[in-house]
Amino acid sequence: MTWRASVLTLFPAMFPGSLGQSLAGRALETGVWSLDVTNIRDFANDRHKTVDDTPFGGGAGMVLRPDIVDAAVASVADDRPVVCLTPRGRRFTQADAQRFAAGPGAILLCGRYEGIDQRVIEARAMDEVSIGDYVLSGGELAALVLLDSIVRLLPGVMGAAESAEDESFSAGLLEYPHYTRPAEWQGHRVPDVLLSGHHGAVAAWRQAESKRITRERRPDLLAAAP
């Protein structure tokens, strides 16, 4: 069954963007997943195609109107989860990517301006998601990141299933370092254990390196481990 992505945005020309290239692009061409993009502005009902208004209570910026956003969501709504990309959402993780990849697809709402009227977010039971602790101009780049992380996990997209199993975050740790030919480069040698041919020793070294790097760079991941 084809994994289906629907994107709601004010800038449909931003898609498929990078998703039309490499692994995701080939998978899109072969029907492993599909992408449809809806312009939120198509659901505005005035001659200026106005989609936003000033916030109640005052303040800078404009807010996307709930009636227009709701109509856009309704045009593609089915049993797929609706994801609202927002910097105030919960942080997206590899576990989330795996969970979405196991489902039928997702509907991604890309916010703009000051944000989206909270009433439509709650009425549609949207999953508010952030890709990191920073602010972008809109949700489109976040949607591209989200979809890339999911699509690569779909069956048949990556060449080897074990590639996903050994990656950073898959086991709660950062990934170990990688090396290839030449065995010595500018005075730097590949660790001897990787040249030993001893698979057990290599596996132990990789596990130890993953733990070391995670401890040094992301101790919060170790603290969160069960």
N, C-alpha and C. Protein backbone atom coordinates (compact mmCIF):
# COMPACT_ATOMS: atom_id res chain seq x y z
N MET A 1 0.84 -1.19 0.00
CA MET A 1 0.00 0.00 0.00
C MET A 1 0.88 1.25 0.00
N THR A 2 0.53 2.23 -0.79
CA THR A 2 1.30 3.47 -0.89
C THR A 2 1.13 4.32 0.36
N TRP A 3 2.24 4.79 0.91
CA TRP A 3 2.21 5.70 2.06
C TRP A 3 1.90 7.10 1.52
N ARG A 4 0.87 7.73 2.06
CA ARG A 4 0.37 8.98 1.48
C ARG A 4 0.65 10.19 2.36
N ALA A 5 1.27 11.20 1.79
CA ALA A 5 1.52 12.46 2.48
C ALA A 5 0.71 13.56 1.83
N SER A 6 0.01 14.34 2.64
CA SER A 6 -0.70 15.52 2.17
C SER A 6 -0.14 16.74 2.91
N VAL A 7 0.25 17.76 2.17
CA VAL A 7 0.82 18.96 2.77
C VAL A 7 -0.11 20.14 2.51
N LEU A 8 -0.41 20.89 3.56
CA LEU A 8 -1.22 22.11 3.47
C LEU A 8 -0.31 23.29 3.70
N THR A 9 -0.22 24.19 2.74
CA THR A 9 0.76 25.27 2.80
C THR A 9 0.30 26.48 2.00
N LEU A 10 0.87 27.63 2.30
CA LEU A 10 0.66 28.83 1.49
C LEU A 10 1.69 28.93 0.37
N PHE A 11 2.65 28.02 0.35
CA PHE A 11 3.73 28.06 -0.65
C PHE A 11 3.92 26.67 -1.27
N PRO A 12 2.97 26.23 -2.06
CA PRO A 12 3.04 24.87 -2.63
C PRO A 12 4.24 24.63 -3.53
N ALA A 13 4.84 25.69 -4.08
CA ALA A 13 5.99 25.51 -4.96
C ALA A 13 7.22 24.99 -4.22
N MET A 14 7.17 25.01 -2.89
CA MET A 14 8.30 24.51 -2.11
C MET A 14 8.35 22.99 -2.08
N PHE A 15 7.35 22.33 -2.65
CA PHE A 15 7.28 20.87 -2.65
C PHE A 15 7.24 20.32 -4.07
N PRO A 16 7.87 19.16 -4.34
CA PRO A 16 8.52 18.29 -3.38
C PRO A 16 9.90 18.74 -2.92
N GLY A 17 10.48 19.74 -3.57
CA GLY A 17 11.80 20.21 -3.14
C GLY A 17 12.81 19.08 -3.12
N SER A 18 13.54 18.98 -2.03
CA SER A 18 14.57 17.94 -1.91
C SER A 18 13.98 16.53 -1.90
N LEU A 19 12.69 16.42 -1.61
CA LEU A 19 12.05 15.10 -1.59
C LEU A 19 11.91 14.51 -2.98
N GLY A 20 12.14 15.32 -4.01
CA GLY A 20 12.10 14.81 -5.38
C GLY A 20 13.43 14.25 -5.84
N GLN A 21 14.41 14.21 -4.94
CA GLN A 21 15.77 13.75 -5.27
C GLN A 21 16.12 12.49 -4.49
N SER A 22 17.17 11.83 -4.92
CA SER A 22 17.80 10.72 -4.18
C SER A 22 16.79 9.63 -3.81
N LEU A 23 16.93 9.06 -2.61
CA LEU A 23 16.10 7.93 -2.21
C LEU A 23 14.62 8.29 -2.19
N ALA A 24 14.28 9.44 -1.58
CA ALA A 24 12.88 9.84 -1.50
C ALA A 24 12.29 10.08 -2.89
N GLY A 25 13.08 10.68 -3.78
CA GLY A 25 12.61 10.95 -5.13
C GLY A 25 12.34 9.68 -5.92
N ARG A 26 13.24 8.71 -5.81
CA ARG A 26 13.04 7.44 -6.51
C ARG A 26 11.82 6.71 -5.96
N ALA A 27 11.65 6.76 -4.63
CA ALA A 27 10.50 6.11 -4.01
C ALA A 27 9.20 6.80 -4.41
N LEU A 28 9.25 8.11 -4.62
CA LEU A 28 8.07 8.85 -5.07
C LEU A 28 7.71 8.44 -6.50
N GLU A 29 8.72 8.28 -7.34
CA GLU A 29 8.50 7.90 -8.74
C GLU A 29 7.95 6.49 -8.86
N THR A 30 8.39 5.60 -8.00
CA THR A 30 7.97 4.19 -8.08
C THR A 30 6.70 3.90 -7.29
N GLY A 31 6.15 4.91 -6.62
CA GLY A 31 4.88 4.72 -5.93
C GLY A 31 4.96 4.15 -4.54
N VAL A 32 6.16 4.12 -3.95
CA VAL A 32 6.26 3.67 -2.56
C VAL A 32 5.51 4.64 -1.65
N TRP A 33 5.57 5.92 -2.00
CA TRP A 33 4.80 6.93 -1.28
C TRP A 33 4.27 7.95 -2.27
N SER A 34 3.28 8.71 -1.87
CA SER A 34 2.71 9.74 -2.73
C SER A 34 2.67 11.06 -1.99
N LEU A 35 2.63 12.15 -2.75
CA LEU A 35 2.61 13.48 -2.16
C LEU A 35 1.60 14.35 -2.90
N ASP A 36 0.63 14.88 -2.16
CA ASP A 36 -0.26 15.88 -2.74
C ASP A 36 -0.16 17.15 -1.90
N VAL A 37 -0.15 18.29 -2.57
CA VAL A 37 0.05 19.58 -1.92
C VAL A 37 -1.16 20.47 -2.15
N THR A 38 -1.70 21.01 -1.07
CA THR A 38 -2.89 21.86 -1.13
C THR A 38 -2.53 23.28 -0.72
N ASN A 39 -2.95 24.24 -1.53
CA ASN A 39 -2.72 25.65 -1.22
C ASN A 39 -3.83 26.14 -0.29
N ILE A 40 -3.47 26.50 0.92
CA ILE A 40 -4.46 26.97 1.90
C ILE A 40 -5.22 28.18 1.38
N ARG A 41 -4.57 29.00 0.58
CA ARG A 41 -5.19 30.22 0.06
C ARG A 41 -6.39 29.92 -0.85
N ASP A 42 -6.44 28.72 -1.40
CA ASP A 42 -7.56 28.35 -2.26
C ASP A 42 -8.89 28.34 -1.50
N PHE A 43 -8.82 28.31 -0.18
CA PHE A 43 -10.04 28.21 0.62
C PHE A 43 -10.47 29.55 1.21
N ALA A 44 -9.75 30.61 0.85
CA ALA A 44 -10.17 31.96 1.24
C ALA A 44 -11.39 32.36 0.41
N ASN A 45 -12.31 33.09 0.99
CA ASN A 45 -13.57 33.38 0.30
C ASN A 45 -13.77 34.85 -0.07
N ASP A 46 -12.70 35.63 -0.01
CA ASP A 46 -12.81 37.01 -0.46
C ASP A 46 -11.94 37.20 -1.70
N ARG A 47 -12.15 38.32 -2.39
CA ARG A 47 -11.43 38.51 -3.66
C ARG A 47 -9.94 38.70 -3.50
N HIS A 48 -9.51 39.04 -2.28
CA HIS A 48 -8.07 39.21 -2.03
C HIS A 48 -7.41 37.92 -1.55
N LYS A 49 -8.21 36.87 -1.39
CA LYS A 49 -7.71 35.57 -0.91
C LYS A 49 -7.00 35.74 0.44
N THR A 50 -7.65 36.43 1.36
CA THR A 50 -7.08 36.69 2.68
C THR A 50 -7.20 35.45 3.56
N VAL A 51 -6.10 35.04 4.16
CA VAL A 51 -6.11 33.82 4.99
C VAL A 51 -5.82 34.11 6.46
N ASP A 52 -5.48 35.36 6.79
CA ASP A 52 -5.06 35.67 8.15
C ASP A 52 -5.76 36.92 8.66
N ASP A 53 -5.60 37.20 9.95
CA ASP A 53 -6.17 38.40 10.55
C ASP A 53 -5.35 38.74 11.78
N THR A 54 -5.61 39.93 12.34
CA THR A 54 -4.86 40.37 13.51
C THR A 54 -5.24 39.55 14.74
N PRO A 55 -4.31 39.35 15.66
CA PRO A 55 -4.60 38.52 16.85
C PRO A 55 -5.48 39.24 17.86
N PHE A 56 -6.44 38.51 18.43
CA PHE A 56 -7.20 39.05 19.54
C PHE A 56 -6.25 39.29 20.70
N GLY A 57 -6.44 40.41 21.43
CA GLY A 57 -5.56 40.74 22.54
C GLY A 57 -4.38 41.59 22.13
N GLY A 58 -4.26 41.83 20.82
CA GLY A 58 -3.17 42.66 20.34
C GLY A 58 -1.87 41.90 20.15
N GLY A 59 -0.86 42.58 19.70
CA GLY A 59 0.44 41.97 19.48
C GLY A 59 0.84 42.03 18.02
N ALA A 60 2.10 41.71 17.79
CA ALA A 60 2.64 41.77 16.43
C ALA A 60 2.23 40.55 15.63
N GLY A 61 2.29 40.70 14.30
CA GLY A 61 2.05 39.56 13.42
C GLY A 61 0.59 39.31 13.13
N MET A 62 0.38 38.31 12.28
CA MET A 62 -0.96 37.92 11.86
C MET A 62 -1.15 36.44 12.17
N VAL A 63 -2.43 36.04 12.29
CA VAL A 63 -2.76 34.66 12.66
C VAL A 63 -3.62 34.03 11.57
N LEU A 64 -3.30 32.80 11.19
CA LEU A 64 -4.11 32.10 10.19
C LEU A 64 -5.49 31.80 10.75
N ARG A 65 -6.52 32.10 9.98
CA ARG A 65 -7.90 31.98 10.43
C ARG A 65 -8.33 30.52 10.56
N PRO A 66 -9.10 30.19 11.61
CA PRO A 66 -9.50 28.80 11.83
C PRO A 66 -10.45 28.26 10.77
N ASP A 67 -11.36 29.11 10.25
CA ASP A 67 -12.32 28.62 9.27
C ASP A 67 -11.63 28.22 7.97
N ILE A 68 -10.63 29.00 7.57
CA ILE A 68 -9.93 28.70 6.32
C ILE A 68 -9.03 27.48 6.48
N VAL A 69 -8.32 27.40 7.58
CA VAL A 69 -7.47 26.24 7.82
C VAL A 69 -8.31 24.97 7.93
N ASP A 70 -9.45 25.06 8.61
CA ASP A 70 -10.31 23.89 8.76
C ASP A 70 -10.83 23.40 7.42
N ALA A 71 -11.19 24.31 6.54
CA ALA A 71 -11.67 23.92 5.21
C ALA A 71 -10.57 23.22 4.42
N ALA A 72 -9.34 23.72 4.56
CA ALA A 72 -8.21 23.09 3.86
C ALA A 72 -7.97 21.68 4.39
N VAL A 73 -8.00 21.52 5.70
CA VAL A 73 -7.80 20.19 6.29
C VAL A 73 -8.92 19.25 5.87
N ALA A 74 -10.16 19.75 5.88
CA ALA A 74 -11.31 18.92 5.53
C ALA A 74 -11.21 18.38 4.10
N SER A 75 -10.52 19.10 3.22
CA SER A 75 -10.43 18.68 1.82
C SER A 75 -9.57 17.43 1.64
N VAL A 76 -8.75 17.10 2.63
CA VAL A 76 -7.87 15.92 2.51
C VAL A 76 -8.03 14.96 3.69
N ALA A 77 -8.88 15.30 4.65
CA ALA A 77 -8.98 14.53 5.89
C ALA A 77 -9.48 13.11 5.65
N ASP A 78 -8.85 12.18 6.35
CA ASP A 78 -9.26 10.77 6.37
C ASP A 78 -8.79 10.19 7.69
N ASP A 79 -8.34 8.95 7.69
CA ASP A 79 -7.90 8.36 8.96
C ASP A 79 -6.45 8.65 9.30
N ARG A 80 -5.76 9.44 8.50
CA ARG A 80 -4.36 9.77 8.78
C ARG A 80 -4.26 10.85 9.86
N PRO A 81 -3.20 10.82 10.66
CA PRO A 81 -3.02 11.87 11.66
C PRO A 81 -2.73 13.22 11.02
N VAL A 82 -3.19 14.29 11.67
CA VAL A 82 -2.92 15.65 11.20
C VAL A 82 -1.82 16.25 12.07
N VAL A 83 -0.72 16.63 11.45
CA VAL A 83 0.45 17.15 12.15
C VAL A 83 0.56 18.65 11.89
N CYS A 84 0.64 19.44 12.95
CA CYS A 84 0.84 20.88 12.83
C CYS A 84 2.29 21.18 13.16
N LEU A 85 3.04 21.69 12.20
CA LEU A 85 4.45 22.02 12.41
C LEU A 85 4.56 23.36 13.11
N THR A 86 5.07 23.36 14.33
CA THR A 86 5.17 24.58 15.12
C THR A 86 6.33 24.47 16.10
N PRO A 87 7.07 25.57 16.33
CA PRO A 87 8.21 25.51 17.26
C PRO A 87 7.79 25.25 18.70
N ARG A 88 6.51 25.38 19.02
CA ARG A 88 6.09 25.12 20.40
C ARG A 88 5.61 23.68 20.59
N GLY A 89 5.68 22.88 19.52
CA GLY A 89 5.24 21.49 19.61
C GLY A 89 6.24 20.61 20.32
N ARG A 90 5.84 19.37 20.56
CA ARG A 90 6.77 18.41 21.15
C ARG A 90 7.87 18.09 20.14
N ARG A 91 9.04 17.76 20.63
CA ARG A 91 10.18 17.53 19.73
C ARG A 91 10.02 16.21 18.98
N PHE A 92 10.18 16.28 17.67
CA PHE A 92 10.09 15.10 16.81
C PHE A 92 11.32 14.22 17.02
N THR A 93 11.11 12.90 17.10
CA THR A 93 12.21 11.97 17.35
C THR A 93 12.22 10.85 16.31
N GLN A 94 13.28 10.06 16.34
CA GLN A 94 13.37 8.91 15.45
C GLN A 94 12.24 7.93 15.71
N ALA A 95 11.84 7.80 16.97
CA ALA A 95 10.72 6.91 17.30
C ALA A 95 9.44 7.39 16.63
N ASP A 96 9.25 8.71 16.55
CA ASP A 96 8.09 9.25 15.84
C ASP A 96 8.15 8.90 14.36
N ALA A 97 9.33 9.04 13.77
CA ALA A 97 9.48 8.71 12.35
C ALA A 97 9.11 7.25 12.10
N GLN A 98 9.56 6.37 12.98
CA GLN A 98 9.24 4.95 12.84
C GLN A 98 7.75 4.70 12.98
N ARG A 99 7.11 5.40 13.92
CA ARG A 99 5.67 5.23 14.15
C ARG A 99 4.87 5.72 12.94
N PHE A 100 5.23 6.88 12.40
CA PHE A 100 4.52 7.38 11.22
C PHE A 100 4.74 6.47 10.02
N ALA A 101 5.96 5.97 9.85
CA ALA A 101 6.27 5.09 8.72
C ALA A 101 5.45 3.81 8.76
N ALA A 102 5.07 3.38 9.95
CA ALA A 102 4.29 2.15 10.10
C ALA A 102 2.80 2.37 9.83
N GLY A 103 2.38 3.64 9.67
CA GLY A 103 0.98 3.95 9.46
C GLY A 103 0.66 4.19 8.00
N PRO A 104 -0.55 4.69 7.72
CA PRO A 104 -0.98 4.89 6.33
C PRO A 104 -0.46 6.17 5.68
N GLY A 105 0.05 7.10 6.50
CA GLY A 105 0.53 8.37 5.97
C GLY A 105 0.29 9.47 6.98
N ALA A 106 0.35 10.72 6.51
CA ALA A 106 0.16 11.86 7.41
C ALA A 106 -0.29 13.08 6.63
N ILE A 107 -1.01 13.95 7.32
CA ILE A 107 -1.40 15.26 6.79
C ILE A 107 -0.59 16.30 7.55
N LEU A 108 0.18 17.11 6.84
CA LEU A 108 1.09 18.06 7.46
C LEU A 108 0.61 19.49 7.19
N LEU A 109 0.34 20.22 8.26
CA LEU A 109 -0.09 21.61 8.17
C LEU A 109 1.09 22.54 8.45
N CYS A 110 1.42 23.37 7.48
CA CYS A 110 2.55 24.28 7.61
C CYS A 110 2.06 25.67 8.02
N GLY A 111 2.41 26.07 9.22
CA GLY A 111 2.02 27.39 9.70
C GLY A 111 2.87 28.48 9.07
N ARG A 112 2.37 29.70 9.15
CA ARG A 112 3.09 30.89 8.69
C ARG A 112 2.71 32.05 9.58
N TYR A 113 3.39 33.17 9.42
CA TYR A 113 3.11 34.40 10.16
C TYR A 113 3.28 34.15 11.67
N GLU A 114 2.36 34.65 12.47
CA GLU A 114 2.50 34.51 13.92
C GLU A 114 2.04 33.14 14.41
N GLY A 115 1.26 32.44 13.60
CA GLY A 115 0.80 31.12 13.98
C GLY A 115 -0.59 30.82 13.44
N ILE A 116 -1.21 29.78 14.01
CA ILE A 116 -2.52 29.29 13.58
C ILE A 116 -3.48 29.41 14.76
N ASP A 117 -4.70 29.83 14.49
CA ASP A 117 -5.71 29.93 15.54
C ASP A 117 -5.81 28.60 16.30
N GLN A 118 -5.64 28.66 17.61
CA GLN A 118 -5.59 27.46 18.43
C GLN A 118 -6.86 26.63 18.35
N ARG A 119 -7.98 27.24 18.07
CA ARG A 119 -9.24 26.51 18.07
C ARG A 119 -9.28 25.41 17.01
N VAL A 120 -8.72 25.67 15.83
CA VAL A 120 -8.75 24.64 14.80
C VAL A 120 -7.74 23.54 15.11
N ILE A 121 -6.64 23.89 15.76
CA ILE A 121 -5.66 22.88 16.18
C ILE A 121 -6.31 21.90 17.15
N GLU A 122 -7.06 22.44 18.10
CA GLU A 122 -7.72 21.59 19.09
C GLU A 122 -8.91 20.84 18.50
N ALA A 123 -9.70 21.51 17.65
CA ALA A 123 -10.88 20.88 17.06
C ALA A 123 -10.50 19.69 16.19
N ARG A 124 -9.36 19.78 15.52
CA ARG A 124 -8.90 18.70 14.64
C ARG A 124 -7.95 17.74 15.35
N ALA A 125 -7.78 17.94 16.66
CA ALA A 125 -6.89 17.08 17.46
C ALA A 125 -5.53 16.91 16.78
N MET A 126 -4.95 18.03 16.35
CA MET A 126 -3.67 17.97 15.65
C MET A 126 -2.53 17.63 16.59
N ASP A 127 -1.55 16.95 16.05
CA ASP A 127 -0.33 16.61 16.78
C ASP A 127 0.66 17.75 16.52
N GLU A 128 0.88 18.61 17.53
CA GLU A 128 1.79 19.74 17.37
C GLU A 128 3.24 19.27 17.53
N VAL A 129 4.03 19.45 16.49
CA VAL A 129 5.38 18.88 16.42
C VAL A 129 6.40 19.95 16.05
N SER A 130 7.57 19.87 16.67
CA SER A 130 8.69 20.75 16.37
C SER A 130 9.90 19.91 15.97
N ILE A 131 10.70 20.42 15.05
CA ILE A 131 11.92 19.69 14.67
C ILE A 131 13.15 20.18 15.42
N GLY A 132 12.99 21.17 16.31
CA GLY A 132 14.13 21.64 17.08
C GLY A 132 13.82 22.93 17.79
N ASP A 133 14.72 23.32 18.66
CA ASP A 133 14.52 24.51 19.49
C ASP A 133 15.01 25.77 18.78
N TYR A 134 14.33 26.10 17.70
CA TYR A 134 14.63 27.32 16.94
C TYR A 134 13.38 27.65 16.14
N VAL A 135 13.35 28.85 15.56
CA VAL A 135 12.17 29.31 14.84
C VAL A 135 12.50 29.49 13.35
N LEU A 136 11.65 28.92 12.50
CA LEU A 136 11.77 29.08 11.05
C LEU A 136 10.73 30.07 10.56
N SER A 137 10.83 30.48 9.30
CA SER A 137 9.86 31.41 8.74
C SER A 137 8.50 30.75 8.54
N GLY A 138 8.47 29.45 8.46
CA GLY A 138 7.21 28.72 8.28
C GLY A 138 7.44 27.24 8.45
N GLY A 139 6.37 26.47 8.35
CA GLY A 139 6.45 25.03 8.60
C GLY A 139 6.92 24.20 7.42
N GLU A 140 7.14 24.83 6.26
CA GLU A 140 7.47 24.05 5.06
C GLU A 140 8.79 23.29 5.19
N LEU A 141 9.83 23.96 5.65
CA LEU A 141 11.12 23.27 5.80
C LEU A 141 11.01 22.15 6.84
N ALA A 142 10.25 22.40 7.89
CA ALA A 142 10.04 21.37 8.91
C ALA A 142 9.31 20.18 8.31
N ALA A 143 8.32 20.44 7.45
CA ALA A 143 7.58 19.35 6.82
C ALA A 143 8.50 18.53 5.92
N LEU A 144 9.41 19.18 5.19
CA LEU A 144 10.37 18.46 4.36
C LEU A 144 11.27 17.56 5.20
N VAL A 145 11.73 18.09 6.33
CA VAL A 145 12.57 17.30 7.23
C VAL A 145 11.80 16.10 7.76
N LEU A 146 10.58 16.36 8.22
CA LEU A 146 9.74 15.29 8.76
C LEU A 146 9.53 14.18 7.73
N LEU A 147 9.14 14.57 6.53
CA LEU A 147 8.86 13.58 5.50
C LEU A 147 10.10 12.80 5.09
N ASP A 148 11.24 13.49 4.99
CA ASP A 148 12.47 12.78 4.63
C ASP A 148 12.80 11.72 5.66
N SER A 149 12.65 12.05 6.94
CA SER A 149 12.99 11.10 8.00
C SER A 149 12.05 9.90 8.01
N ILE A 150 10.81 10.11 7.54
CA ILE A 150 9.83 9.02 7.51
C ILE A 150 9.98 8.17 6.26
N VAL A 151 10.05 8.82 5.10
CA VAL A 151 10.06 8.10 3.83
C VAL A 151 11.22 7.14 3.73
N ARG A 152 12.39 7.54 4.24
CA ARG A 152 13.56 6.66 4.13
C ARG A 152 13.38 5.37 4.91
N LEU A 153 12.41 5.34 5.84
CA LEU A 153 12.15 4.13 6.63
C LEU A 153 11.11 3.21 6.00
N LEU A 154 10.46 3.66 4.93
CA LEU A 154 9.45 2.83 4.29
C LEU A 154 10.10 1.62 3.62
N PRO A 155 9.42 0.48 3.60
CA PRO A 155 10.00 -0.73 3.02
C PRO A 155 10.47 -0.52 1.59
N GLY A 156 11.71 -0.91 1.33
CA GLY A 156 12.27 -0.85 -0.01
C GLY A 156 12.96 0.44 -0.38
N VAL A 157 12.89 1.46 0.49
CA VAL A 157 13.49 2.76 0.14
C VAL A 157 15.00 2.72 0.31
N MET A 158 15.47 2.21 1.44
CA MET A 158 16.92 2.08 1.65
C MET A 158 17.37 0.70 1.19
N GLY A 159 18.61 0.62 0.74
CA GLY A 159 19.11 -0.62 0.17
C GLY A 159 19.21 -1.76 1.16
N ALA A 160 19.57 -1.46 2.41
CA ALA A 160 19.74 -2.51 3.41
C ALA A 160 18.97 -2.14 4.65
N ALA A 161 18.16 -3.07 5.12
CA ALA A 161 17.32 -2.80 6.29
C ALA A 161 18.15 -2.48 7.52
N GLU A 162 19.34 -3.09 7.61
CA GLU A 162 20.16 -2.86 8.80
C GLU A 162 20.70 -1.45 8.86
N SER A 163 20.68 -0.72 7.73
CA SER A 163 21.15 0.66 7.73
C SER A 163 20.35 1.49 8.71
N ALA A 164 19.05 1.30 8.74
CA ALA A 164 18.19 2.06 9.66
C ALA A 164 18.38 1.62 11.10
N GLU A 165 18.67 0.34 11.29
CA GLU A 165 18.80 -0.18 12.65
C GLU A 165 20.03 0.34 13.36
N ASP A 166 21.10 0.66 12.62
CA ASP A 166 22.36 1.08 13.22
C ASP A 166 22.50 2.59 13.32
N GLU A 167 21.52 3.35 12.87
CA GLU A 167 21.66 4.80 12.81
C GLU A 167 21.54 5.46 14.18
N SER A 168 21.97 6.73 14.22
CA SER A 168 21.80 7.52 15.43
C SER A 168 20.35 7.54 15.85
N PHE A 169 20.12 7.45 17.17
CA PHE A 169 18.81 7.53 17.82
C PHE A 169 17.99 6.25 17.72
N SER A 170 18.32 5.34 16.78
CA SER A 170 17.50 4.15 16.64
C SER A 170 17.52 3.29 17.89
N ALA A 171 18.66 3.25 18.57
CA ALA A 171 18.77 2.48 19.81
C ALA A 171 18.96 3.40 21.01
N GLY A 172 18.63 4.67 20.86
CA GLY A 172 18.77 5.62 21.94
C GLY A 172 20.17 6.19 22.09
N LEU A 173 21.06 5.87 21.14
CA LEU A 173 22.44 6.36 21.18
C LEU A 173 22.79 7.04 19.86
N LEU A 174 23.84 7.87 19.88
CA LEU A 174 24.37 8.41 18.64
C LEU A 174 25.19 7.34 17.94
N GLU A 175 25.30 7.47 16.62
CA GLU A 175 25.98 6.45 15.85
C GLU A 175 27.50 6.51 16.04
N TYR A 176 28.13 5.36 15.92
CA TYR A 176 29.59 5.24 16.00
C TYR A 176 30.25 5.86 14.76
N PRO A 177 31.57 6.17 14.80
CA PRO A 177 32.26 6.75 13.64
C PRO A 177 32.39 5.74 12.51
N HIS A 178 32.50 6.25 11.29
CA HIS A 178 32.66 5.40 10.10
C HIS A 178 34.00 5.70 9.42
N TYR A 179 34.57 4.68 8.80
CA TYR A 179 35.85 4.81 8.08
C TYR A 179 35.79 3.99 6.79
N THR A 180 36.55 4.43 5.77
CA THR A 180 36.67 3.66 4.54
C THR A 180 38.09 3.83 3.99
N ARG A 181 38.35 3.32 2.81
CA ARG A 181 39.69 3.40 2.22
C ARG A 181 40.04 4.85 1.87
N PRO A 182 41.33 5.22 1.96
CA PRO A 182 42.49 4.39 2.31
C PRO A 182 42.60 4.15 3.81
N ALA A 183 43.31 3.10 4.19
CA ALA A 183 43.44 2.75 5.61
C ALA A 183 44.27 3.78 6.37
N GLU A 184 45.13 4.50 5.65
CA GLU A 184 45.87 5.60 6.26
C GLU A 184 45.74 6.82 5.37
N TRP A 185 45.38 7.96 5.97
CA TRP A 185 45.18 9.20 5.21
C TRP A 185 45.74 10.37 6.00
N GLN A 186 46.70 11.06 5.38
CA GLN A 186 47.37 12.21 5.99
C GLN A 186 47.86 11.91 7.41
N GLY A 187 48.43 10.74 7.57
CA GLY A 187 48.99 10.35 8.86
C GLY A 187 47.98 9.80 9.86
N HIS A 188 46.74 9.72 9.48
CA HIS A 188 45.70 9.20 10.37
C HIS A 188 45.29 7.80 9.91
N ARG A 189 45.35 6.84 10.85
CA ARG A 189 45.00 5.45 10.53
C ARG A 189 43.61 5.10 11.02
N VAL A 190 43.00 4.20 10.29
CA VAL A 190 41.73 3.61 10.72
C VAL A 190 42.01 2.79 11.98
N PRO A 191 41.13 2.81 12.98
CA PRO A 191 41.34 1.97 14.18
C PRO A 191 41.61 0.52 13.81
N ASP A 192 42.62 -0.05 14.44
CA ASP A 192 43.07 -1.41 14.09
C ASP A 192 41.95 -2.44 14.19
N VAL A 193 41.05 -2.27 15.13
CA VAL A 193 40.01 -3.28 15.32
C VAL A 193 39.14 -3.42 14.07
N LEU A 194 38.98 -2.35 13.31
CA LEU A 194 38.14 -2.41 12.12
C LEU A 194 38.83 -3.15 10.98
N LEU A 195 40.11 -3.35 11.10
CA LEU A 195 40.88 -4.08 10.08
C LEU A 195 41.14 -5.52 10.51
N SER A 196 40.69 -5.89 11.69
CA SER A 196 41.02 -7.19 12.27
C SER A 196 40.24 -8.35 11.67
N GLY A 197 39.06 -8.06 11.13
CA GLY A 197 38.22 -9.14 10.63
C GLY A 197 37.47 -9.87 11.73
N HIS A 198 37.60 -9.41 12.96
CA HIS A 198 36.94 -10.04 14.11
C HIS A 198 35.60 -9.33 14.34
N HIS A 199 34.53 -9.97 13.89
CA HIS A 199 33.21 -9.30 13.90
C HIS A 199 32.74 -8.99 15.31
N GLY A 200 33.02 -9.86 16.25
CA GLY A 200 32.62 -9.61 17.62
C GLY A 200 33.33 -8.41 18.21
N ALA A 201 34.63 -8.31 17.93
CA ALA A 201 35.40 -7.18 18.43
C ALA A 201 34.95 -5.87 17.78
N VAL A 202 34.63 -5.94 16.49
CA VAL A 202 34.15 -4.75 15.79
C VAL A 202 32.82 -4.28 16.39
N ALA A 203 31.91 -5.22 16.64
CA ALA A 203 30.61 -4.87 17.22
C ALA A 203 30.77 -4.25 18.60
N ALA A 204 31.69 -4.81 19.40
CA ALA A 204 31.93 -4.27 20.75
C ALA A 204 32.52 -2.88 20.68
N TRP A 205 33.44 -2.66 19.74
CA TRP A 205 34.05 -1.34 19.58
C TRP A 205 33.00 -0.31 19.17
N ARG A 206 32.16 -0.68 18.23
CA ARG A 206 31.12 0.25 17.76
C ARG A 206 30.15 0.61 18.89
N GLN A 207 29.77 -0.37 19.69
CA GLN A 207 28.87 -0.10 20.80
C GLN A 207 29.53 0.83 21.82
N ALA A 208 30.81 0.57 22.11
CA ALA A 208 31.53 1.41 23.07
C ALA A 208 31.68 2.84 22.54
N GLU A 209 31.94 2.99 21.24
CA GLU A 209 32.08 4.31 20.64
C GLU A 209 30.75 5.06 20.65
N SER A 210 29.67 4.35 20.38
CA SER A 210 28.34 4.98 20.42
C SER A 210 28.06 5.53 21.81
N LYS A 211 28.37 4.75 22.83
CA LYS A 211 28.14 5.20 24.20
C LYS A 211 29.04 6.39 24.55
N ARG A 212 30.31 6.32 24.12
CA ARG A 212 31.24 7.42 24.42
C ARG A 212 30.78 8.72 23.78
N ILE A 213 30.44 8.67 22.50
CA ILE A 213 30.04 9.87 21.79
C ILE A 213 28.73 10.43 22.36
N THR A 214 27.81 9.55 22.68
CA THR A 214 26.54 10.00 23.27
C THR A 214 26.77 10.65 24.62
N ARG A 215 27.66 10.07 25.42
CA ARG A 215 27.97 10.63 26.74
C ARG A 215 28.58 12.02 26.60
N GLU A 216 29.44 12.20 25.60
CA GLU A 216 30.12 13.48 25.41
C GLU A 216 29.21 14.55 24.78
N ARG A 217 28.38 14.14 23.82
CA ARG A 217 27.63 15.12 23.02
C ARG A 217 26.16 15.25 23.39
N ARG A 218 25.54 14.14 23.82
CA ARG A 218 24.12 14.17 24.15
C ARG A 218 23.85 13.36 25.41
N PRO A 219 24.36 13.80 26.55
CA PRO A 219 24.12 13.06 27.79
C PRO A 219 22.65 12.96 28.15
N ASP A 220 21.83 13.86 27.59
CA ASP A 220 20.40 13.78 27.84
C ASP A 220 19.79 12.50 27.29
N LEU A 221 20.37 11.95 26.22
CA LEU A 221 19.86 10.70 25.66
C LEU A 221 20.13 9.54 26.62
N LEU A 222 21.30 9.55 27.25
CA LEU A 222 21.62 8.49 28.21
C LEU A 222 20.72 8.61 29.44
N ALA A 223 20.46 9.84 29.86
CA ALA A 223 19.62 10.06 31.03
C ALA A 223 18.20 9.59 30.78
N ALA A 224 17.77 9.64 29.52
CA ALA A 224 16.39 9.25 29.18
C ALA A 224 16.25 7.78 28.92
N ALA A 225 17.39 7.06 28.85
CA ALA A 225 17.34 5.63 28.54
C ALA A 225 16.71 4.86 29.69
N PRO A 226 15.90 3.81 29.36
CA PRO A 226 15.25 3.04 30.41
C PRO A 226 16.24 2.26 31.26
